[in-house]
Amino acid sequence: MSQLQVSIIIVNYNGLGVIVDCLTSIFCHLSTPAIEVIVVDNDSQDGSPELIAQKFPQVNLLRQSKNGGFGTANNVGARQARGEYLLLLNSDTLVTADILPTLVAKLTSEAHVGIVGPRLLNPDGSFQLSIAHEIGLWGEWRTLQQVKQYRIPANRPALAAQYDRDQVVDIVVGAALMMRRSLFEQVGGFDETFFMYFEESDLCQRVRALGYKILYTPAVTVIHIGGYSVAQAAGPMAVAYRRSQRYYYRKHRPRWEQWILHGYLAFKTWRQARQHS
């Protein structure tokens, strides 16, 4: 692994409470001669970029003058990356072992594996749902049923058992995923129209459209605290979610599905207005 270069890209936005632990875990557990760590800071105002510069001078800190969103920031990092592989991590993740050799092996062991996503765990070590079905009316309904099942803690062991082996999936969440830099560049990186939400779904869809597989593997685990940056601005993020959802449907789904989604969201808005009137 010492001669293999992996570029780890982390997007930071007001992550003072998590980013130091994330970076500490990386430099503690990963083979440092084999990696470069790039942190793209989306104009944080909480002192986190200053703390990163102070505590981790080995990090390539790219400070942005505005918050351009998750996908845009990852693209900024990828353009600076020198590694053969990109490992995209959220700022609220923790690694507890050297995950790189296994992730690279999974990515290269089978032809046409385009993206590999590890098993995500909650801070207490329990299974975290990090897989989704293809975005669309049917796929979103199926994913929603899984999410409802997951929200009941007693159901999580059974869900974890469904994902206890390597399997090809439609989508892995963007909290932790690895792919070749050449493939990332081939698909054009993230679509920067997505400010937040659906950007990894769109990336997975475009990778799959080129004939590559999305592989989920429980052989590697990453702790994901979850929702830290989003919690900083819950209201605006709800608006961003629907904007991204509509754009995704315009980009990838047939016209009739777009009409149904538009009608559903219009009805939902009308009903909420009635309830608050």
C-alpha atoms as a PDB file:
ATOM      1  CA  MET A   1       0.000   0.000   0.000  1.00  0.00           C
ATOM      2  CA  SER A   2       2.984   2.290   0.518  1.00  0.00           C
ATOM      3  CA  GLN A   3       3.317   3.057  -3.192  1.00  0.00           C
ATOM      4  CA  LEU A   4      -0.385   3.466  -3.820  1.00  0.00           C
ATOM      5  CA  GLN A   5      -1.690   7.008  -3.754  1.00  0.00           C
ATOM      6  CA  VAL A   6      -5.225   7.609  -2.497  1.00  0.00           C
ATOM      7  CA  SER A   7      -6.617  11.120  -2.350  1.00  0.00           C
ATOM      8  CA  ILE A   8      -9.030  11.541   0.547  1.00  0.00           C
ATOM      9  CA  ILE A   9     -11.423  14.431  -0.019  1.00  0.00           C
ATOM     10  CA  ILE A  10     -13.448  15.865   2.853  1.00  0.00           C
ATOM     11  CA  VAL A  11     -15.918  18.728   2.549  1.00  0.00           C
ATOM     12  CA  ASN A  12     -16.106  20.874   5.679  1.00  0.00           C
ATOM     13  CA  TYR A  13     -18.870  23.307   6.522  1.00  0.00           C
ATOM     14  CA  ASN A  14     -18.908  24.594  10.090  1.00  0.00           C
ATOM     15  CA  GLY A  15     -17.665  21.196  11.225  1.00  0.00           C
ATOM     16  CA  LEU A  16     -15.801  22.355  14.309  1.00  0.00           C
ATOM     17  CA  GLY A  17     -17.415  19.631  16.418  1.00  0.00           C
ATOM     18  CA  VAL A  18     -16.420  16.739  14.145  1.00  0.00           C
ATOM     19  CA  ILE A  19     -13.641  17.533  11.680  1.00  0.00           C
ATOM     20  CA  VAL A  20     -10.737  17.249  14.155  1.00  0.00           C
ATOM     21  CA  ASP A  21     -11.850  13.765  15.226  1.00  0.00           C
ATOM     22  CA  CYS A  22     -12.282  12.770  11.568  1.00  0.00           C
ATOM     23  CA  LEU A  23      -8.798  13.890  10.567  1.00  0.00           C
ATOM     24  CA  THR A  24      -7.248  12.427  13.719  1.00  0.00           C
ATOM     25  CA  SER A  25      -8.771   9.035  12.895  1.00  0.00           C
ATOM     26  CA  ILE A  26      -7.411   9.204   9.343  1.00  0.00           C
ATOM     27  CA  PHE A  27      -3.838   9.973  10.352  1.00  0.00           C
ATOM     28  CA  CYS A  28      -4.001   7.472  13.189  1.00  0.00           C
ATOM     29  CA  HIS A  29      -5.222   4.490  11.178  1.00  0.00           C
ATOM     30  CA  LEU A  30      -4.394   4.986   7.506  1.00  0.00           C
ATOM     31  CA  SER A  31      -1.030   4.441   5.866  1.00  0.00           C
ATOM     32  CA  THR A  32       0.082   8.068   5.612  1.00  0.00           C
ATOM     33  CA  PRO A  33       2.763   7.643   2.899  1.00  0.00           C
ATOM     34  CA  ALA A  34       0.033   6.275   0.646  1.00  0.00           C
ATOM     35  CA  ILE A  35      -2.450   9.119   1.054  1.00  0.00           C
ATOM     36  CA  GLU A  36      -3.000  12.791   0.620  1.00  0.00           C
ATOM     37  CA  VAL A  37      -5.802  14.497   2.520  1.00  0.00           C
ATOM     38  CA  ILE A  38      -7.671  17.375   0.920  1.00  0.00           C
ATOM     39  CA  VAL A  39     -10.186  19.373   2.949  1.00  0.00           C
ATOM     40  CA  VAL A  40     -12.408  21.726   0.975  1.00  0.00           C
ATOM     41  CA  ASP A  41     -13.875  24.300   3.342  1.00  0.00           C
ATOM     42  CA  ASN A  42     -17.174  25.818   2.234  1.00  0.00           C
ATOM     43  CA  ASP A  43     -16.685  29.251   3.831  1.00  0.00           C
ATOM     44  CA  SER A  44     -17.074  28.016   7.420  1.00  0.00           C
ATOM     45  CA  GLN A  45     -17.554  30.729  10.034  1.00  0.00           C
ATOM     46  CA  ASP A  46     -16.990  28.618  13.165  1.00  0.00           C
ATOM     47  CA  GLY A  47     -13.195  28.665  13.259  1.00  0.00           C
ATOM     48  CA  SER A  48     -12.848  25.127  11.921  1.00  0.00           C
ATOM     49  CA  PRO A  49     -10.602  25.989   8.932  1.00  0.00           C
ATOM     50  CA  GLU A  50      -8.203  27.858  11.216  1.00  0.00           C
ATOM     51  CA  LEU A  51      -8.122  24.889  13.582  1.00  0.00           C
ATOM     52  CA  ILE A  52      -7.468  22.474  10.693  1.00  0.00           C
ATOM     53  CA  ALA A  53      -4.562  24.619   9.488  1.00  0.00           C
ATOM     54  CA  GLN A  54      -3.138  24.739  13.012  1.00  0.00           C
ATOM     55  CA  LYS A  55      -3.515  21.079  13.974  1.00  0.00           C
ATOM     56  CA  PHE A  56      -3.035  19.404  10.588  1.00  0.00           C
ATOM     57  CA  PRO A  57      -0.458  21.304   8.501  1.00  0.00           C
ATOM     58  CA  GLN A  58      -0.082  18.200   6.306  1.00  0.00           C
ATOM     59  CA  VAL A  59      -3.661  18.652   5.044  1.00  0.00           C
ATOM     60  CA  ASN A  60      -4.203  20.444   1.749  1.00  0.00           C
ATOM     61  CA  LEU A  61      -6.811  22.956   2.932  1.00  0.00           C
ATOM     62  CA  LEU A  62      -8.753  24.597   0.116  1.00  0.00           C
ATOM     63  CA  ARG A  63     -10.755  27.508   1.519  1.00  0.00           C
ATOM     64  CA  GLN A  64     -13.688  28.636  -0.604  1.00  0.00           C
ATOM     65  CA  SER A  65     -15.122  32.160  -0.539  1.00  0.00           C
ATOM     66  CA  LYS A  66     -18.697  30.853  -0.529  1.00  0.00           C
ATOM     67  CA  ASN A  67     -20.631  27.676   0.193  1.00  0.00           C
ATOM     68  CA  GLY A  68     -21.130  26.172  -3.240  1.00  0.00           C
ATOM     69  CA  GLY A  69     -22.563  22.908  -1.956  1.00  0.00           C
ATOM     70  CA  PHE A  70     -21.326  19.372  -1.438  1.00  0.00           C
ATOM     71  CA  GLY A  71     -20.807  18.332  -5.054  1.00  0.00           C
ATOM     72  CA  THR A  72     -19.087  21.535  -6.107  1.00  0.00           C
ATOM     73  CA  ALA A  73     -16.659  21.288  -3.185  1.00  0.00           C
ATOM     74  CA  ASN A  74     -15.808  17.669  -4.004  1.00  0.00           C
ATOM     75  CA  ASN A  75     -15.117  18.695  -7.594  1.00  0.00           C
ATOM     76  CA  VAL A  76     -12.734  21.388  -6.313  1.00  0.00           C
ATOM     77  CA  GLY A  77     -10.930  18.764  -4.267  1.00  0.00           C
ATOM     78  CA  ALA A  78     -10.819  16.253  -7.109  1.00  0.00           C
ATOM     79  CA  ARG A  79      -9.212  18.786  -9.427  1.00  0.00           C
ATOM     80  CA  GLN A  80      -6.358  19.125  -6.935  1.00  0.00           C
ATOM     81  CA  ALA A  81      -6.088  15.379  -6.286  1.00  0.00           C
ATOM     82  CA  ARG A  82      -3.007  13.443  -7.405  1.00  0.00           C
ATOM     83  CA  GLY A  83      -4.079   9.972  -6.335  1.00  0.00           C
ATOM     84  CA  GLU A  84      -5.152   7.144  -8.587  1.00  0.00           C
ATOM     85  CA  TYR A  85      -8.169   6.639  -6.324  1.00  0.00           C
ATOM     86  CA  LEU A  86     -10.511   9.108  -4.649  1.00  0.00           C
ATOM     87  CA  LEU A  87     -11.977   8.352  -1.237  1.00  0.00           C
ATOM     88  CA  LEU A  88     -14.784  10.786  -0.476  1.00  0.00           C
ATOM     89  CA  LEU A  89     -15.547  11.092   3.224  1.00  0.00           C
ATOM     90  CA  ASN A  90     -17.959  13.261   5.160  1.00  0.00           C
ATOM     91  CA  SER A  91     -16.490  15.400   7.909  1.00  0.00           C
ATOM     92  CA  ASP A  92     -18.572  13.500  10.469  1.00  0.00           C
ATOM     93  CA  THR A  93     -17.017  10.097   9.728  1.00  0.00           C
ATOM     94  CA  LEU A  94     -14.423   8.148  11.702  1.00  0.00           C
ATOM     95  CA  VAL A  95     -12.169   5.359  10.497  1.00  0.00           C
ATOM     96  CA  THR A  96     -11.071   2.769  13.028  1.00  0.00           C
ATOM     97  CA  ALA A  97      -8.708   0.670  10.890  1.00  0.00           C
ATOM     98  CA  ASP A  98      -6.700   0.899   7.667  1.00  0.00           C
ATOM     99  CA  ILE A  99      -9.607   0.530   5.257  1.00  0.00           C
ATOM    100  CA  LEU A 100      -7.713   1.473   2.096  1.00  0.00           C
ATOM    101  CA  PRO A 101      -6.218  -1.893   1.037  1.00  0.00           C
ATOM    102  CA  THR A 102      -9.605  -3.623   1.223  1.00  0.00           C
ATOM    103  CA  LEU A 103     -11.454  -0.839  -0.582  1.00  0.00           C
ATOM    104  CA  VAL A 104      -8.882  -0.767  -3.386  1.00  0.00           C
ATOM    105  CA  ALA A 105      -8.977  -4.573  -3.635  1.00  0.00           C
ATOM    106  CA  LYS A 106     -12.775  -4.525  -3.931  1.00  0.00           C
ATOM    107  CA  LEU A 107     -12.578  -1.829  -6.577  1.00  0.00           C
ATOM    108  CA  THR A 108     -10.051  -3.730  -8.666  1.00  0.00           C
ATOM    109  CA  SER A 109     -10.951  -7.374  -8.022  1.00  0.00           C
ATOM    110  CA  GLU A 110     -13.903  -7.477 -10.397  1.00  0.00           C
ATOM    111  CA  ALA A 111     -14.267  -5.943 -13.818  1.00  0.00           C
ATOM    112  CA  HIS A 112     -16.473  -2.890 -14.136  1.00  0.00           C
ATOM    113  CA  VAL A 113     -16.786  -2.014 -10.458  1.00  0.00           C
ATOM    114  CA  GLY A 114     -17.053   1.762 -10.645  1.00  0.00           C
ATOM    115  CA  ILE A 115     -17.803   2.776  -7.060  1.00  0.00           C
ATOM    116  CA  VAL A 116     -17.402   0.912  -3.798  1.00  0.00           C
ATOM    117  CA  GLY A 117     -19.140   1.941  -0.587  1.00  0.00           C
ATOM    118  CA  PRO A 118     -18.309   0.562   2.874  1.00  0.00           C
ATOM    119  CA  ARG A 119     -20.698  -0.458   5.614  1.00  0.00           C
ATOM    120  CA  LEU A 120     -21.596   2.573   7.723  1.00  0.00           C
ATOM    121  CA  LEU A 121     -22.067   2.280  11.462  1.00  0.00           C
ATOM    122  CA  ASN A 122     -23.723   4.546  14.001  1.00  0.00           C
ATOM    123  CA  PRO A 123     -21.480   5.855  16.806  1.00  0.00           C
ATOM    124  CA  ASP A 124     -22.748   3.018  19.038  1.00  0.00           C
ATOM    125  CA  GLY A 125     -21.571   0.453  16.484  1.00  0.00           C
ATOM    126  CA  SER A 126     -25.016  -0.444  15.183  1.00  0.00           C
ATOM    127  CA  PHE A 127     -25.839  -0.807  11.493  1.00  0.00           C
ATOM    128  CA  GLN A 128     -26.575   2.374   9.547  1.00  0.00           C
ATOM    129  CA  LEU A 129     -28.598   2.266   6.349  1.00  0.00           C
ATOM    130  CA  SER A 130     -26.375   3.557   3.533  1.00  0.00           C
ATOM    131  CA  ILE A 131     -27.895   1.986   0.432  1.00  0.00           C
ATOM    132  CA  ALA A 132     -30.760   3.203  -1.715  1.00  0.00           C
ATOM    133  CA  HIS A 133     -32.731   1.978  -4.685  1.00  0.00           C
ATOM    134  CA  GLU A 134     -32.637   3.749  -8.029  1.00  0.00           C
ATOM    135  CA  ILE A 135     -34.292   7.148  -7.794  1.00  0.00           C
ATOM    136  CA  GLY A 136     -37.783   7.149  -9.275  1.00  0.00           C
ATOM    137  CA  LEU A 137     -41.324   6.762  -8.001  1.00  0.00           C
ATOM    138  CA  TRP A 138     -40.958   3.012  -7.384  1.00  0.00           C
ATOM    139  CA  GLY A 139     -37.380   3.173  -6.164  1.00  0.00           C
ATOM    140  CA  GLU A 140     -38.038   6.032  -3.744  1.00  0.00           C
ATOM    141  CA  TRP A 141     -41.064   4.194  -2.340  1.00  0.00           C
ATOM    142  CA  ARG A 142     -38.952   1.061  -1.778  1.00  0.00           C
ATOM    143  CA  THR A 143     -36.198   3.082  -0.106  1.00  0.00           C
ATOM    144  CA  LEU A 144     -38.779   4.849   2.085  1.00  0.00           C
ATOM    145  CA  GLN A 145     -40.085   1.496   3.301  1.00  0.00           C
ATOM    146  CA  GLN A 146     -36.542   0.508   4.272  1.00  0.00           C
ATOM    147  CA  VAL A 147     -36.045   3.816   6.060  1.00  0.00           C
ATOM    148  CA  LYS A 148     -39.278   3.327   8.003  1.00  0.00           C
ATOM    149  CA  GLN A 149     -38.113  -0.150   8.975  1.00  0.00           C
ATOM    150  CA  TYR A 150     -34.704   1.192   9.972  1.00  0.00           C
ATOM    151  CA  ARG A 151     -36.171   3.888  12.221  1.00  0.00           C
ATOM    152  CA  ILE A 152     -37.386   1.144  14.563  1.00  0.00           C
ATOM    153  CA  PRO A 153     -34.176   0.060  16.342  1.00  0.00           C
ATOM    154  CA  ALA A 154     -35.488  -3.463  16.904  1.00  0.00           C
ATOM    155  CA  ASN A 155     -35.560  -3.950  13.121  1.00  0.00           C
ATOM    156  CA  ARG A 156     -31.922  -3.005  12.531  1.00  0.00           C
ATOM    157  CA  PRO A 157     -30.344  -6.439  13.130  1.00  0.00           C
ATOM    158  CA  ALA A 158     -32.599  -7.947  10.450  1.00  0.00           C
ATOM    159  CA  LEU A 159     -31.741  -5.124   8.060  1.00  0.00           C
ATOM    160  CA  ALA A 160     -28.054  -5.549   8.813  1.00  0.00           C
ATOM    161  CA  ALA A 161     -28.370  -9.241   7.978  1.00  0.00           C
ATOM    162  CA  GLN A 162     -29.687  -8.312   4.511  1.00  0.00           C
ATOM    163  CA  TYR A 163     -26.437  -6.432   3.884  1.00  0.00           C
ATOM    164  CA  ASP A 164     -23.925  -8.815   5.465  1.00  0.00           C
ATOM    165  CA  ARG A 165     -22.191  -9.637   2.173  1.00  0.00           C
ATOM    166  CA  ASP A 166     -20.848  -7.859  -0.883  1.00  0.00           C
ATOM    167  CA  GLN A 167     -23.620  -6.951  -3.294  1.00  0.00           C
ATOM    168  CA  VAL A 168     -24.289  -4.778  -6.290  1.00  0.00           C
ATOM    169  CA  VAL A 169     -26.664  -1.929  -5.414  1.00  0.00           C
ATOM    170  CA  ASP A 170     -28.128   1.099  -7.164  1.00  0.00           C
ATOM    171  CA  ILE A 171     -26.810   3.798  -4.825  1.00  0.00           C
ATOM    172  CA  VAL A 172     -24.368   4.112  -1.941  1.00  0.00           C
ATOM    173  CA  VAL A 173     -24.595   7.275   0.115  1.00  0.00           C
ATOM    174  CA  GLY A 174     -21.908   9.901  -0.293  1.00  0.00           C
ATOM    175  CA  ALA A 175     -20.716   9.818   3.331  1.00  0.00           C
ATOM    176  CA  ALA A 176     -18.025   7.340   2.285  1.00  0.00           C
ATOM    177  CA  LEU A 177     -17.277   6.055  -1.197  1.00  0.00           C
ATOM    178  CA  MET A 178     -14.240   5.247  -3.320  1.00  0.00           C
ATOM    179  CA  MET A 179     -13.747   5.343  -7.081  1.00  0.00           C
ATOM    180  CA  ARG A 180     -10.944   5.753  -9.573  1.00  0.00           C
ATOM    181  CA  ARG A 181     -10.050   9.364 -10.241  1.00  0.00           C
ATOM    182  CA  SER A 182     -10.028   8.601 -13.974  1.00  0.00           C
ATOM    183  CA  LEU A 183     -13.661   7.445 -13.826  1.00  0.00           C
ATOM    184  CA  PHE A 184     -14.663  10.459 -11.730  1.00  0.00           C
ATOM    185  CA  GLU A 185     -13.169  12.680 -14.416  1.00  0.00           C
ATOM    186  CA  GLN A 186     -14.744  10.614 -17.206  1.00  0.00           C
ATOM    187  CA  VAL A 187     -18.272  11.186 -15.876  1.00  0.00           C
ATOM    188  CA  GLY A 188     -17.529  14.858 -15.215  1.00  0.00           C
ATOM    189  CA  GLY A 189     -17.551  14.618 -11.434  1.00  0.00           C
ATOM    190  CA  PHE A 190     -20.572  15.771  -9.489  1.00  0.00           C
ATOM    191  CA  ASP A 191     -23.303  17.742 -11.218  1.00  0.00           C
ATOM    192  CA  GLU A 192     -22.927  21.141  -9.551  1.00  0.00           C
ATOM    193  CA  THR A 193     -26.587  22.009 -10.113  1.00  0.00           C
ATOM    194  CA  PHE A 194     -27.263  19.907  -7.008  1.00  0.00           C
ATOM    195  CA  PHE A 195     -26.447  22.082  -4.006  1.00  0.00           C
ATOM    196  CA  MET A 196     -27.172  19.271  -1.567  1.00  0.00           C
ATOM    197  CA  TYR A 197     -29.051  15.954  -1.743  1.00  0.00           C
ATOM    198  CA  PHE A 198     -29.303  13.580  -4.710  1.00  0.00           C
ATOM    199  CA  GLU A 199     -25.801  14.429  -5.926  1.00  0.00           C
ATOM    200  CA  GLU A 200     -24.398  10.990  -5.076  1.00  0.00           C
ATOM    201  CA  SER A 201     -27.519   9.358  -6.537  1.00  0.00           C
ATOM    202  CA  ASP A 202     -26.900  11.255  -9.765  1.00  0.00           C
ATOM    203  CA  LEU A 203     -23.218  10.274  -9.728  1.00  0.00           C
ATOM    204  CA  CYS A 204     -24.083   6.598  -9.192  1.00  0.00           C
ATOM    205  CA  GLN A 205     -26.693   6.770 -11.973  1.00  0.00           C
ATOM    206  CA  ARG A 206     -24.193   8.213 -14.473  1.00  0.00           C
ATOM    207  CA  VAL A 207     -21.538   5.665 -13.489  1.00  0.00           C
ATOM    208  CA  ARG A 208     -24.068   2.849 -13.956  1.00  0.00           C
ATOM    209  CA  ALA A 209     -25.099   4.285 -17.324  1.00  0.00           C
ATOM    210  CA  LEU A 210     -21.507   3.728 -18.488  1.00  0.00           C
ATOM    211  CA  GLY A 211     -21.834   0.037 -17.636  1.00  0.00           C
ATOM    212  CA  TYR A 212     -20.108   0.087 -14.249  1.00  0.00           C
ATOM    213  CA  LYS A 213     -21.381  -1.492 -11.029  1.00  0.00           C
ATOM    214  CA  ILE A 214     -21.913   0.100  -7.630  1.00  0.00           C
ATOM    215  CA  LEU A 215     -20.574  -2.295  -4.992  1.00  0.00           C
ATOM    216  CA  TYR A 216     -21.547  -2.267  -1.327  1.00  0.00           C
ATOM    217  CA  THR A 217     -19.144  -4.122   0.964  1.00  0.00           C
ATOM    218  CA  PRO A 218     -19.477  -4.870   4.696  1.00  0.00           C
ATOM    219  CA  ALA A 219     -15.828  -5.977   4.718  1.00  0.00           C
ATOM    220  CA  VAL A 220     -14.985  -2.350   5.536  1.00  0.00           C
ATOM    221  CA  THR A 221     -16.753  -0.250   8.152  1.00  0.00           C
ATOM    222  CA  VAL A 222     -16.775   3.499   8.744  1.00  0.00           C
ATOM    223  CA  ILE A 223     -18.494   5.258  11.645  1.00  0.00           C
ATOM    224  CA  HIS A 224     -20.863   7.986  10.466  1.00  0.00           C
ATOM    225  CA  ILE A 225     -22.302  10.408  13.006  1.00  0.00           C
ATOM    226  CA  GLY A 226     -24.791  11.654  10.422  1.00  0.00           C
ATOM    227  CA  GLY A 227     -26.480  14.916   9.570  1.00  0.00           C
ATOM    228  CA  TYR A 228     -24.031  17.265  11.287  1.00  0.00           C
ATOM    229  CA  SER A 229     -23.790  19.965   8.607  1.00  0.00           C
ATOM    230  CA  VAL A 230     -27.430  19.566   7.628  1.00  0.00           C
ATOM    231  CA  ALA A 231     -28.489  20.163  11.227  1.00  0.00           C
ATOM    232  CA  GLN A 232     -26.874  23.584  11.034  1.00  0.00           C
ATOM    233  CA  ALA A 233     -29.582  24.761   8.612  1.00  0.00           C
ATOM    234  CA  ALA A 234     -32.543  22.409   8.723  1.00  0.00           C
ATOM    235  CA  GLY A 235     -35.099  24.733   7.103  1.00  0.00           C
ATOM    236  CA  PRO A 236     -33.052  25.701   4.032  1.00  0.00           C
ATOM    237  CA  MET A 237     -31.987  22.077   3.604  1.00  0.00           C
ATOM    238  CA  ALA A 238     -35.615  20.955   3.296  1.00  0.00           C
ATOM    239  CA  VAL A 239     -36.023  23.424   0.439  1.00  0.00           C
ATOM    240  CA  ALA A 240     -32.758  22.215  -1.125  1.00  0.00           C
ATOM    241  CA  TYR A 241     -33.985  18.609  -0.917  1.00  0.00           C
ATOM    242  CA  ARG A 242     -37.110  19.265  -2.988  1.00  0.00           C
ATOM    243  CA  ARG A 243     -35.229  21.433  -5.480  1.00  0.00           C
ATOM    244  CA  SER A 244     -32.688  18.664  -6.027  1.00  0.00           C
ATOM    245  CA  GLN A 245     -35.399  16.018  -6.268  1.00  0.00           C
ATOM    246  CA  ARG A 246     -37.220  17.924  -9.010  1.00  0.00           C
ATOM    247  CA  TYR A 247     -33.992  18.476 -10.916  1.00  0.00           C
ATOM    248  CA  TYR A 248     -33.058  14.801 -10.677  1.00  0.00           C
ATOM    249  CA  TYR A 249     -36.439  13.761 -12.095  1.00  0.00           C
ATOM    250  CA  ARG A 250     -36.106  16.261 -14.961  1.00  0.00           C
ATOM    251  CA  LYS A 251     -32.665  14.886 -15.720  1.00  0.00           C
ATOM    252  CA  HIS A 252     -33.246  11.128 -15.431  1.00  0.00           C
ATOM    253  CA  ARG A 253     -36.919  10.204 -15.191  1.00  0.00           C
ATOM    254  CA  PRO A 254     -39.694   9.978 -17.822  1.00  0.00           C
ATOM    255  CA  ARG A 255     -42.119  12.861 -18.218  1.00  0.00           C
ATOM    256  CA  TRP A 256     -45.042  11.029 -16.617  1.00  0.00           C
ATOM    257  CA  GLU A 257     -43.045  10.472 -13.422  1.00  0.00           C
ATOM    258  CA  GLN A 258     -42.170  14.173 -13.364  1.00  0.00           C
ATOM    259  CA  TRP A 259     -45.876  15.036 -13.631  1.00  0.00           C
ATOM    260  CA  ILE A 260     -46.790  12.713 -10.770  1.00  0.00           C
ATOM    261  CA  LEU A 261     -44.029  14.123  -8.559  1.00  0.00           C
ATOM    262  CA  HIS A 262     -45.096  17.687  -9.379  1.00  0.00           C
ATOM    263  CA  GLY A 263     -48.708  16.873  -8.520  1.00  0.00           C
ATOM    264  CA  TYR A 264     -47.752  15.130  -5.286  1.00  0.00           C
ATOM    265  CA  LEU A 265     -45.604  18.044  -4.112  1.00  0.00           C
ATOM    266  CA  ALA A 266     -48.286  20.582  -5.073  1.00  0.00           C
ATOM    267  CA  PHE A 267     -50.882  18.610  -3.085  1.00  0.00           C
ATOM    268  CA  LYS A 268     -48.520  18.336  -0.120  1.00  0.00           C
ATOM    269  CA  THR A 269     -47.911  22.102  -0.147  1.00  0.00           C
ATOM    270  CA  TRP A 270     -51.659  22.787  -0.352  1.00  0.00           C
ATOM    271  CA  ARG A 271     -52.402  20.426   2.535  1.00  0.00           C
ATOM    272  CA  GLN A 272     -49.716  21.974   4.742  1.00  0.00           C
ATOM    273  CA  ALA A 273     -51.090  25.449   3.979  1.00  0.00           C
ATOM    274  CA  ARG A 274     -54.577  24.280   4.980  1.00  0.00           C
ATOM    275  CA  GLN A 275     -53.268  22.845   8.238  1.00  0.00           C
ATOM    276  CA  HIS A 276     -51.563  26.100   9.165  1.00  0.00           C
ATOM    277  CA  SER A 277     -54.418  28.379   8.121  1.00  0.00           C
END
